[in-house]
Every structure is written in structure tokens, then in C-alpha cells.
Protein backbone atom coordinates (compact mmCIF):
# COMPACT_ATOMS: atom_id res chain seq x y z
CA MET A 1 28.70 -49.11 -29.59
CA ASN A 2 28.49 -46.19 -32.00
CA PRO A 3 30.79 -47.54 -34.75
CA ASP A 4 28.71 -50.75 -34.88
CA PHE A 5 25.51 -48.69 -34.63
CA ILE A 6 26.52 -46.78 -37.76
CA LYS A 7 27.93 -49.80 -39.59
CA TYR A 8 25.22 -52.40 -39.01
CA GLN A 9 21.99 -50.54 -38.22
CA ALA A 10 20.17 -48.63 -40.96
CA GLN A 11 20.05 -44.91 -40.25
CA THR A 12 17.37 -42.28 -40.86
CA SER A 13 19.69 -39.27 -41.15
CA PRO A 14 23.37 -38.59 -41.83
CA TYR A 15 24.00 -37.36 -38.28
CA PRO A 16 22.19 -39.36 -35.58
CA LEU A 17 22.65 -38.12 -32.03
CA GLY A 18 24.36 -41.37 -31.09
CA MET A 19 23.77 -41.44 -27.34
CA GLU A 20 24.86 -44.86 -26.08
CA VAL A 21 21.96 -45.81 -23.81
CA SER A 22 22.53 -47.83 -20.66
CA HIS A 23 19.17 -47.63 -18.89
CA ALA A 24 16.23 -45.31 -18.25
CA ILE A 25 13.89 -44.75 -15.35
CA GLY A 26 11.22 -42.17 -14.61
CA SER A 27 12.07 -38.92 -16.40
CA TYR A 28 15.74 -39.78 -16.97
CA ILE A 29 17.84 -41.67 -19.51
CA TYR A 30 21.38 -42.79 -18.60
CA ASP A 31 24.24 -43.32 -21.03
CA THR A 32 26.98 -45.95 -20.80
CA ASN A 33 29.16 -43.48 -18.89
CA ASP A 34 26.34 -43.24 -16.31
CA LYS A 35 25.63 -39.63 -17.23
CA LYS A 36 21.94 -38.88 -16.73
CA TYR A 37 19.75 -36.85 -19.05
CA LEU A 38 16.42 -35.31 -18.15
CA ASP A 39 14.01 -36.40 -20.86
CA PHE A 40 11.81 -33.62 -22.30
CA VAL A 41 10.91 -35.73 -25.37
CA ALA A 42 9.55 -39.06 -24.04
CA GLY A 43 10.57 -41.03 -27.10
CA VAL A 44 8.79 -38.44 -29.28
CA SER A 45 5.56 -38.49 -27.22
CA ALA A 46 5.59 -42.28 -26.85
CA CYS A 47 6.59 -42.84 -23.21
CA THR A 48 3.43 -41.40 -21.68
CA LEU A 49 4.21 -42.61 -18.15
CA GLY A 50 7.96 -42.15 -18.34
CA HIS A 51 10.51 -44.94 -18.39
CA GLN A 52 10.07 -48.24 -16.57
CA HIS A 53 6.72 -47.32 -15.08
CA PRO A 54 6.06 -50.01 -12.46
CA ARG A 55 2.44 -50.61 -13.46
CA VAL A 56 3.32 -51.05 -17.12
CA ASN A 57 6.37 -53.19 -16.37
CA GLN A 58 4.39 -55.46 -14.07
CA ALA A 59 1.62 -55.90 -16.63
CA ILE A 60 4.19 -56.93 -19.24
CA LYS A 61 5.88 -59.41 -16.88
CA ASP A 62 2.59 -60.91 -15.75
CA GLN A 63 1.46 -61.49 -19.34
CA LEU A 64 4.81 -62.98 -20.36
CA ASP A 65 4.29 -65.61 -17.68
CA LYS A 66 0.94 -66.58 -19.26
CA TYR A 67 1.45 -66.53 -23.03
CA SER A 68 2.84 -64.36 -25.79
CA HIS A 69 1.83 -64.58 -29.46
CA VAL A 70 -0.59 -67.44 -30.14
CA MET A 71 -2.55 -66.55 -33.30
CA VAL A 72 -2.89 -63.88 -35.96
CA TYR A 73 -5.09 -60.92 -35.05
CA GLY A 74 -8.83 -61.33 -34.80
CA GLU A 75 -9.14 -65.12 -34.44
CA TYR A 76 -8.72 -65.88 -30.74
CA SER A 77 -10.26 -64.09 -27.77
CA GLN A 78 -7.34 -62.84 -25.66
CA SER A 79 -8.03 -61.08 -22.39
CA PRO A 80 -5.60 -58.10 -22.57
CA ALA A 81 -6.87 -56.96 -25.98
CA VAL A 82 -10.54 -57.57 -25.13
CA GLN A 83 -10.27 -55.67 -21.84
CA TYR A 84 -8.48 -52.82 -23.57
CA CYS A 85 -11.01 -52.41 -26.36
CA LYS A 86 -13.91 -52.59 -23.91
CA LEU A 87 -12.39 -49.93 -21.66
CA MET A 88 -11.61 -47.70 -24.64
CA ALA A 89 -15.24 -47.91 -25.84
CA SER A 90 -16.45 -46.82 -22.39
CA LEU A 91 -14.30 -43.68 -22.57
CA LEU A 92 -15.33 -42.46 -26.02
CA PRO A 93 -18.51 -41.15 -27.68
CA GLU A 94 -21.06 -43.88 -28.38
CA SER A 95 -20.34 -43.99 -32.11
CA LEU A 96 -16.67 -44.84 -31.49
CA ASN A 97 -17.11 -48.30 -30.06
CA LYS A 98 -14.97 -50.80 -31.97
CA THR A 99 -11.17 -50.86 -32.04
CA TYR A 100 -8.81 -52.47 -34.52
CA LEU A 101 -5.39 -53.04 -32.91
CA VAL A 102 -2.29 -52.87 -35.10
CA ASN A 103 1.46 -52.44 -34.66
CA SER A 104 2.14 -48.75 -35.25
CA GLY A 105 0.59 -45.40 -35.98
CA THR A 106 1.33 -45.54 -39.69
CA GLU A 107 -0.33 -48.96 -39.99
CA ALA A 108 -3.36 -47.53 -38.20
CA ILE A 109 -3.49 -44.71 -40.76
CA GLU A 110 -3.38 -47.29 -43.57
CA GLY A 111 -6.29 -49.18 -42.01
CA ALA A 112 -8.30 -46.00 -41.49
CA LEU A 113 -7.86 -44.94 -45.12
CA LYS A 114 -8.95 -48.37 -46.32
CA LEU A 115 -11.97 -48.27 -44.03
CA ALA A 116 -12.98 -44.86 -45.37
CA LYS A 117 -12.85 -46.07 -48.96
CA ARG A 118 -14.70 -49.27 -48.08
CA THR A 119 -17.42 -47.36 -46.20
CA THR A 120 -18.09 -44.66 -48.78
CA GLY A 121 -17.22 -46.40 -52.03
CA ARG A 122 -15.29 -43.23 -52.96
CA SER A 123 -11.63 -42.76 -53.82
CA GLN A 124 -10.64 -39.16 -53.07
CA LEU A 125 -8.68 -38.49 -49.89
CA ILE A 126 -8.00 -35.02 -48.50
CA SER A 127 -5.23 -34.12 -46.09
CA CYS A 128 -3.51 -30.90 -44.99
CA HIS A 129 -0.40 -29.13 -46.16
CA ASN A 130 2.50 -29.85 -43.79
CA ALA A 131 0.64 -32.82 -42.34
CA TYR A 132 2.49 -35.91 -41.15
CA HIS A 133 0.69 -39.23 -40.72
CA GLY A 134 3.47 -41.80 -41.02
CA ASN A 135 5.96 -43.06 -43.56
CA THR A 136 4.50 -46.09 -45.31
CA MET A 137 3.31 -45.58 -48.87
CA GLY A 138 -0.32 -44.80 -48.07
CA SER A 139 0.57 -42.57 -45.13
CA MET A 140 3.20 -40.82 -47.21
CA SER A 141 0.58 -40.17 -49.88
CA VAL A 142 -1.34 -38.02 -47.38
CA MET A 143 1.81 -36.33 -46.06
CA GLY A 144 1.64 -32.67 -46.96
CA PHE A 145 5.35 -32.10 -47.50
CA GLU A 146 6.50 -32.76 -51.04
CA GLU A 147 10.24 -32.66 -50.33
CA ARG A 148 10.00 -35.79 -48.16
CA LYS A 149 7.98 -37.86 -50.62
CA ARG A 150 9.17 -36.80 -54.09
CA ALA A 151 11.79 -39.56 -54.30
CA PHE A 152 9.19 -42.27 -53.64
CA ARG A 153 6.54 -41.36 -56.22
CA PRO A 154 4.24 -42.56 -57.66
CA LEU A 155 2.11 -42.73 -54.53
CA LEU A 156 -1.66 -43.12 -54.08
CA PRO A 157 -3.69 -41.26 -56.70
CA ASP A 158 -6.64 -38.95 -56.01
CA VAL A 159 -5.18 -37.23 -52.94
CA ASP A 160 -5.73 -33.49 -52.48
CA PHE A 161 -4.64 -31.02 -49.84
CA ILE A 162 -6.09 -28.10 -47.93
CA THR A 163 -4.52 -25.62 -45.54
CA PHE A 164 -5.16 -26.28 -41.85
CA ASN A 165 -7.48 -23.62 -40.37
CA ASN A 166 -8.44 -22.30 -43.84
CA GLU A 167 -12.24 -22.42 -43.92
CA ALA A 168 -12.47 -21.54 -47.61
CA ASP A 169 -10.61 -24.75 -48.46
CA LEU A 170 -13.41 -26.86 -46.99
CA GLU A 171 -15.28 -26.46 -50.28
CA LYS A 172 -12.76 -28.97 -51.67
CA ILE A 173 -14.55 -31.66 -49.62
CA THR A 174 -17.24 -32.86 -52.03
CA THR A 175 -19.41 -35.86 -52.86
CA ARG A 176 -16.28 -37.40 -54.41
CA THR A 177 -14.46 -37.37 -51.09
CA ALA A 178 -14.09 -40.57 -49.11
CA ALA A 179 -12.49 -38.85 -46.12
CA ILE A 180 -10.56 -35.91 -44.83
CA LEU A 181 -7.67 -36.77 -42.53
CA LEU A 182 -6.46 -34.20 -39.99
CA GLU A 183 -4.17 -34.09 -36.99
CA THR A 184 -6.14 -32.51 -34.16
CA ILE A 185 -3.02 -30.48 -33.46
CA GLN A 186 -0.60 -30.35 -36.38
CA GLY A 187 2.63 -31.91 -35.15
CA GLY A 188 5.41 -31.70 -37.72
CA ALA A 189 4.12 -28.33 -38.92
CA GLY A 190 4.85 -26.70 -35.55
CA PHE A 191 2.18 -27.76 -33.02
CA ILE A 192 -0.55 -25.70 -34.63
CA GLN A 193 -3.94 -25.81 -32.92
CA PRO A 194 -7.29 -25.53 -34.71
CA GLU A 195 -8.79 -22.02 -34.62
CA ASN A 196 -12.29 -20.56 -34.97
CA ASN A 197 -14.02 -23.92 -34.49
CA PHE A 198 -12.20 -25.30 -37.54
CA LEU A 199 -12.72 -28.96 -36.60
CA GLN A 200 -16.44 -28.38 -36.06
CA LYS A 201 -16.65 -26.79 -39.50
CA VAL A 202 -14.86 -29.77 -41.02
CA ARG A 203 -17.38 -32.04 -39.31
CA LYS A 204 -20.30 -30.01 -40.70
CA ARG A 205 -18.91 -30.09 -44.24
CA CYS A 206 -18.34 -33.85 -44.06
CA ASP A 207 -21.94 -34.37 -42.96
CA GLU A 208 -23.18 -32.24 -45.86
CA VAL A 209 -21.43 -34.30 -48.52
CA GLY A 210 -21.28 -37.75 -46.90
CA ALA A 211 -17.50 -37.80 -46.40
CA LEU A 212 -15.84 -39.29 -43.32
CA MET A 213 -13.79 -37.30 -40.84
CA ILE A 214 -10.63 -39.07 -39.66
CA VAL A 215 -8.61 -37.53 -36.84
CA ASP A 216 -5.00 -38.46 -36.23
CA GLU A 217 -4.37 -38.62 -32.48
CA ILE A 218 -0.99 -40.33 -32.73
CA GLN A 219 0.76 -37.39 -31.05
CA PRO A 220 -1.97 -35.52 -29.14
CA GLY A 221 -3.59 -38.66 -27.74
CA PHE A 222 -3.44 -40.28 -24.32
CA GLY A 223 -3.70 -37.32 -22.04
CA ARG A 224 -1.06 -35.08 -23.56
CA THR A 225 -3.52 -32.20 -24.15
CA GLY A 226 -5.41 -32.57 -20.86
CA LYS A 227 -8.05 -34.90 -22.36
CA LEU A 228 -7.70 -38.52 -23.37
CA PHE A 229 -7.75 -37.40 -27.01
CA GLY A 230 -7.16 -34.00 -28.54
CA PHE A 231 -10.48 -33.90 -30.39
CA GLN A 232 -12.29 -33.92 -27.04
CA ASN A 233 -11.05 -30.35 -26.49
CA TYR A 234 -12.93 -29.10 -29.55
CA ASP A 235 -16.50 -30.41 -29.17
CA VAL A 236 -16.42 -32.65 -32.23
CA VAL A 237 -16.94 -36.37 -32.83
CA PRO A 238 -15.00 -37.84 -35.77
CA ASP A 239 -15.94 -40.96 -37.72
CA ILE A 240 -12.56 -42.64 -37.25
CA VAL A 241 -9.86 -42.00 -34.65
CA VAL A 242 -6.27 -43.09 -35.27
CA MET A 243 -3.82 -43.56 -32.40
CA GLY A 244 -0.34 -44.84 -31.61
CA LYS A 245 2.79 -43.52 -29.83
CA GLY A 246 1.70 -42.86 -26.22
CA MET A 247 -0.88 -45.64 -26.35
CA GLY A 248 1.52 -48.38 -25.24
CA GLY A 249 3.56 -46.62 -22.57
CA GLY A 250 6.69 -47.07 -24.68
CA MET A 251 5.73 -50.28 -26.47
CA PRO A 252 5.13 -50.42 -30.27
CA VAL A 253 1.42 -50.24 -31.08
CA GLY A 254 -1.30 -48.44 -33.01
CA ALA A 255 -5.06 -48.65 -33.46
CA PHE A 256 -8.00 -47.14 -35.29
CA ILE A 257 -11.49 -46.83 -33.84
CA ALA A 258 -14.86 -46.39 -35.53
CA SER A 259 -18.43 -47.57 -35.15
CA ALA A 260 -19.12 -51.29 -35.20
CA GLU A 261 -21.22 -50.72 -38.33
CA LYS A 262 -18.23 -49.32 -40.21
CA MET A 263 -15.57 -51.59 -38.74
CA ASP A 264 -17.55 -54.74 -39.55
CA LEU A 265 -17.25 -53.88 -43.25
CA LEU A 266 -13.66 -55.12 -43.07
CA THR A 267 -14.88 -58.65 -42.32
CA GLU A 268 -16.60 -59.37 -45.66
CA ASN A 269 -16.79 -58.30 -49.32
CA PRO A 270 -13.92 -59.05 -49.19
CA LYS A 271 -13.15 -61.10 -46.14
CA LEU A 272 -9.88 -60.17 -44.46
CA GLY A 273 -10.34 -56.53 -45.46
CA HIS A 274 -7.47 -55.62 -43.17
CA ILE A 275 -5.21 -58.18 -41.52
CA THR A 276 -2.14 -58.14 -39.32
CA THR A 277 -0.17 -60.91 -37.68
CA PHE A 278 0.93 -59.19 -34.48
CA GLY A 279 -1.84 -56.63 -33.94
CA GLY A 280 -3.38 -57.06 -30.49
CA HIS A 281 -0.26 -58.87 -29.26
CA PRO A 282 -1.08 -59.89 -25.68
CA VAL A 283 2.10 -58.47 -24.14
CA ILE A 284 1.69 -55.15 -25.95
CA ALA A 285 -2.04 -55.03 -25.17
CA SER A 286 -1.22 -55.56 -21.49
CA ALA A 287 1.07 -52.54 -21.57
CA CYS A 288 -1.66 -50.52 -23.32
CA LEU A 289 -4.26 -51.53 -20.76
CA ALA A 290 -2.01 -50.64 -17.84
CA THR A 291 -1.22 -47.26 -19.43
CA LEU A 292 -4.87 -46.45 -20.06
CA GLN A 293 -5.88 -47.53 -16.55
CA GLU A 294 -3.16 -45.38 -15.01
CA LEU A 295 -4.26 -42.35 -17.05
CA THR A 296 -7.93 -42.73 -16.19
CA GLU A 297 -7.47 -43.61 -12.52
CA THR A 298 -5.13 -40.71 -11.69
CA ASN A 299 -5.03 -36.94 -12.28
CA LEU A 300 -2.19 -37.09 -14.81
CA MET A 301 -4.29 -35.76 -17.68
CA GLN A 302 -5.61 -32.79 -15.70
CA GLU A 303 -2.12 -32.11 -14.35
CA ALA A 304 -0.82 -31.80 -17.94
CA LEU A 305 -2.60 -28.44 -18.19
CA LYS A 306 -1.10 -27.22 -14.90
CA LYS A 307 2.34 -28.29 -16.07
CA GLU A 308 1.77 -26.43 -19.34
CA LYS A 309 1.20 -23.24 -17.36
CA LEU A 310 4.43 -23.83 -15.46
CA PHE A 311 6.38 -24.33 -18.69
CA ARG A 312 4.91 -21.15 -20.16
CA SER A 313 5.74 -19.15 -17.04
CA LEU A 314 9.36 -20.34 -17.09
CA LEU A 315 10.14 -20.28 -20.82
CA VAL A 316 10.44 -16.53 -21.15
CA HIS A 317 13.59 -15.42 -22.97
CA PRO A 318 14.59 -13.04 -25.78
CA LEU A 319 15.36 -16.04 -28.02
CA ILE A 320 11.89 -17.54 -27.55
CA LYS A 321 9.33 -15.92 -29.87
CA GLU A 322 6.38 -17.95 -28.59
CA VAL A 323 5.43 -21.28 -27.06
CA ARG A 324 2.93 -23.22 -29.17
CA GLY A 325 0.79 -26.20 -28.36
CA LYS A 326 -1.39 -27.46 -25.55
CA GLY A 327 -0.77 -29.41 -22.35
CA LEU A 328 2.50 -31.31 -22.61
CA MET A 329 2.63 -31.06 -26.39
CA LEU A 330 4.65 -27.85 -26.61
CA ALA A 331 7.07 -26.21 -29.02
CA ALA A 332 9.31 -23.28 -28.10
CA MET A 333 9.80 -21.22 -31.25
CA THR A 334 13.06 -19.38 -31.95
CA GLU A 335 13.96 -16.90 -34.70
CA THR A 336 16.04 -19.33 -36.77
CA ALA A 337 16.69 -23.02 -37.29
CA ASP A 338 20.33 -22.38 -36.39
CA ILE A 339 19.36 -21.13 -32.92
CA THR A 340 17.07 -24.10 -32.45
CA ASN A 341 19.88 -26.50 -33.43
CA GLN A 342 22.28 -24.86 -30.99
CA VAL A 343 19.77 -25.03 -28.15
CA ILE A 344 18.93 -28.71 -28.70
CA LEU A 345 22.55 -29.85 -29.08
CA ASN A 346 23.94 -27.71 -26.26
CA CYS A 347 21.18 -28.80 -23.90
CA GLN A 348 22.00 -32.44 -24.54
CA ASP A 349 25.61 -31.70 -23.59
CA LYS A 350 24.28 -30.30 -20.32
CA GLY A 351 22.01 -33.26 -19.60
CA LEU A 352 18.66 -32.27 -21.10
CA ILE A 353 17.03 -34.08 -24.03
CA LEU A 354 15.12 -31.90 -26.49
CA PHE A 355 14.32 -32.65 -30.14
CA TRP A 356 13.20 -31.20 -33.46
CA LEU A 357 9.89 -31.18 -35.31
CA LEU A 358 9.73 -32.67 -38.79
CA PHE A 359 8.94 -29.65 -40.94
CA GLU A 360 9.33 -26.57 -38.73
CA GLY A 361 13.02 -25.90 -38.27
CA CYS A 362 12.58 -23.15 -35.69
CA ALA A 363 10.68 -25.34 -33.21
CA ILE A 364 12.13 -26.94 -30.08
CA ARG A 365 10.06 -30.02 -29.18
CA ILE A 366 9.00 -30.24 -25.52
CA THR A 367 6.91 -33.37 -25.00
CA PRO A 368 7.99 -34.87 -21.66
CA PRO A 369 6.33 -37.81 -19.92
CA LEU A 370 3.04 -36.89 -18.27
CA THR A 371 4.60 -38.11 -15.03
CA ILE A 372 7.27 -35.40 -15.04
CA SER A 373 7.41 -33.48 -11.77
CA GLU A 374 7.29 -29.71 -11.32
CA GLU A 375 10.81 -29.86 -9.91
CA GLU A 376 12.03 -31.63 -13.06
CA ILE A 377 10.27 -29.05 -15.24
CA ARG A 378 12.06 -26.27 -13.39
CA GLU A 379 15.37 -28.13 -13.70
CA GLY A 380 15.01 -28.58 -17.47
CA CYS A 381 13.79 -25.06 -18.16
CA SER A 382 16.73 -23.67 -16.20
CA ILE A 383 19.09 -25.56 -18.52
CA ILE A 384 17.27 -24.18 -21.58
CA LEU A 385 17.47 -20.61 -20.33
CA ASN A 386 21.15 -20.93 -19.38
CA VAL A 387 22.00 -22.32 -22.81
CA MET A 388 20.07 -19.49 -24.46
CA ASP A 389 21.94 -16.95 -22.34
CA GLU A 390 25.22 -18.46 -23.55
CA ILE A 391 24.06 -18.26 -27.18
CA LEU A 392 23.08 -14.60 -26.74
CA LYS A 393 26.40 -13.80 -25.09
CA ALA A 394 28.38 -15.56 -27.83
CA GLY A 395 26.48 -13.64 -30.49
CA LYS A 396 27.43 -10.23 -29.11
């Protein structure tokens, strides 16, 4: 497959990993030679319940037997989407009660930015250095990494940046500001958590000047940090929550949530303030509903914190400087990007899937399915440590 993969399918980098996938189940992916790989990445935090989860698969099959796409978003009442949005509202603070379903995380960011401007009548947007919120033009405008967006300028005007966890920078949020957009845990920057009640201080500053607080839960969301959403770990209630990735149990989806008062502004002046053909697709919504039900009816979210402790106890090695993150959103930090590259590539050779972060070259991404077992964690960490031993030995 690989020659045709390279020839006919557009690529995102010069050197894709090129695994020829046969099938996947549970915590494992199998290639066309029937070699199995333990998956410590979960489709970059997307496969919350692992591969081929029976509850998600059954929900998809059941819905396919009823109907698939019937109308553009927001016109017909369709049970999977309605049930999902109702359940989501019951799980969140009272002010976060209306959901707009879209097709991806970056589209959800676009909708959230539009909603912030529509709500406040202001134009300035603030994001963080080394932030990543998607790759469409609006999302790229609030990406805090110039190297990745320079070739695509001009982007949205009136966007400014602060440094995550820098309280002095909060003075940049003023009465000109429509919204500040933050990841609750910075992903591409290296799984950096908020410190010293930073998110609460952002909330306070927004209240003082009438700006909105948007949190990006595309990576931390859906149980990965031990709570349904990362912001729930920090005693703060944002104005808009953006989600994607793990929301659909491996299916493509995104959403943004706000109060009904704010969300209803997209219905008039102008009408069709945000539209999407396939948002709320009944098959995708069925997968989302099954995923959310499984998370809330089991102990998977609480177990993520126990599994974090196991990872931290096992990932002790001279090549590991620290382990960052929370729950099953972890990054093992090495001294150099070269060591990180060796570890990731050598582990794949030995049957373990790891991956990189976007902007932090020294980080080894560890974001397995929430369903991963303790035995599988031990198996994968053993491979990591053995590979690191080989790297140390070769360097002497």
C-alpha cells in the first residue's frame, strides 16, 4: 500500500510512519503482516475507549439501520444528537447548557470565536504562545507558533498573545477583548498544566472587563484528566467550551458549548450565524452518545488517575527528565529531540506506538485509550525502558 499511499494521498510531512494497517481492537493495532502494536497514542487522544469498542460499534450499526444523513444541521430533530446534547447539559455547570455539534475540533474553534465576537461586539482575540487550536485559517490565527503559520499569512487581524501561567500578561485582556482562548492543559507546548490558580485568575480578569473565557478541551476532554473536562479540575467555569477528538470514540466530530442566551445569538442578526451540513450527523452522534454513556456509567475517568500513578512509578530512567501532564495525558521528557526520536521510532519497531508533540521536540506523547489495562501499561513501559537502555548503551 505504501507506494500508492505516498503517490495518491496528500501528506502532512515528508516522512510519514507508513504503517500499513490491517485492523485494530482494544489497545492494539495490527499491520498487514499481522504484527501487533500496543497503542499508547489512541489516534492522538481520539480513541477514548480503544479500538472497536463494542458499545460504540453497536450504536453505530443500530443507527445505520435507521437512517444516516437526512438534513443539514439544526433543521430536523434527530434522536442521537438530541439525547447527546441533553446528557451533556446534565453533566456540566448550569451556564453551559446548549451544544452546537460540528465535524471537528478546528471547526468548533471557528464557531466559538465567531460566537465570542457576536456576543461581545468586540474584535480582539487573545491566545497563548505555543498554543495549538487547529489548522483552519481562524484556528491558525490563534496558534501561538509563528513558524507553522508564516507561510499562510495574512490571517485574522487583532489577535494578541500571552504566556501561559504568566499572571502579569492578564493585563492585556481589556475592554477591547472579545475572548481569551486557552487550552486547559497546553498540548503541543509540552502538556503544561496551569499553576497558581491561573485559570481562576483568567476568569476573574474576564469578568472585570466583560471578555469571554473560552477553554479548548479538544485534548484534555472526555475523562483523560480524571474529570469529564480538564477545566473541572481547576474550579473554574468558562463561557464557552470547545471539544473534539475523544468525543466520538474514534469518529470525526467536534462541538462548542455555551449558555442558551449566547448560543441563540447565532440564529438571528444574521440568521444562519454558523452553519454546517454534517454537524450532528446521526451516526456520529450515536457514537458520541455511546462514548459519553460509557464514560459516565463506569469508573474509567477515576481509573485514569490511578493509571497515571502507575505510569509515573514505572517511567523512571536516566533518559527521562520528568513526566508531565495529568491522568492519561502524559509526556515523558528527554534531554534532546534526537533521543525522543530514537525512542519513538525504536519502540514502534518493537511493537509499541508512541508519538510526538507539535512544538516540544523533547516530549514523548503517552495518551493511551482510557480502557488500557494495568498489564498493558506495564508491557508498554517495559518496552520504553528497554529501548532507552539500548540507547544509553550505544552512546557509551
